Amino acid sequence: MHQAAYDALKLPYRYVAVHVGRGSVGKALDRLAALGYRGVNVTVPHKEEALAWAAQADELSRRIGAANTLRLATKEATNTDAGGFLDTIQGLAGREATMLGAGGTARALAAVLPGAGYQVRVWNRTRERAMALADEFGLSVLEEPTVDADLVVNTTSAGLHGDRLPLDWSEARNGTVAYDLVYGETPFLTEAAARGLRTIDGQSLLVAQGARSFEWWLGLTPSREAMAEAIR
């Protein structure tokens, strides 16, 4: 995806995967910096370690407690997941959101959705985790999951395993948008589509956060179309 963006702008860069074990992120980043790498994206489960390695981190990544994008020479960190998510929901009608799950990705969304004007309700199988997230970010907690909202975001990993969530889709509004952060078709999205609802999968966020990382590193605007085409 990033390589497609570099190639579209005829930039002499390469984007490669580096596999790192838990607890080794700091050493790996130091080594990459010594080798002349300019920046990295960091994926789960290393985002917290990446933030801890950074000497400078913006307010958003500190609030989320995780960083997914780094400048190696200056040891700067940011989080493009949150802003990338907002990019993908621009223009949606309504400002009531239900968030399913209370893990790391949910934290990123919780940090920005209220500031974008959304009233957010969160549900998690372990209610204590939902309450902790709600207390920290000013959300409300659902006793039971519901799709009675303008935007319903599934941040859980249920779709990775083909698992269903205990949702009654007859509760959905006419304009409800169903958003699953897992890539591709999931039971959550299939059930929403069967009700005639608009659906969005995680590829939209993948492209948006990647484009923001690109801009942060290089000060250039990538072709989001080229990036999206590369992952289809």
Foldseek 3Di string as FASTA:
>chain_A
DVVLQCVVVVHPDDDDDDDDDPPCVLVVLVVCVVVPDFKFFDDPPCFLVLVVNAPEEDPLCVQLNGFGMAGRVRSYTYHLLLVLVVVVCPPQPFAEEEEEDQDSSVSSPLSPSVVVPHAYEYEYPPQVSSVVSCVSRVHHYDPADEQQGQEYEYADCCQVVLHDDPYDLVNHDPAREYEYLAPDDHPSQVVCVVVVYHYYYNLSSVLSSVQVSVCVRPVDGTDSVSVSVVVD
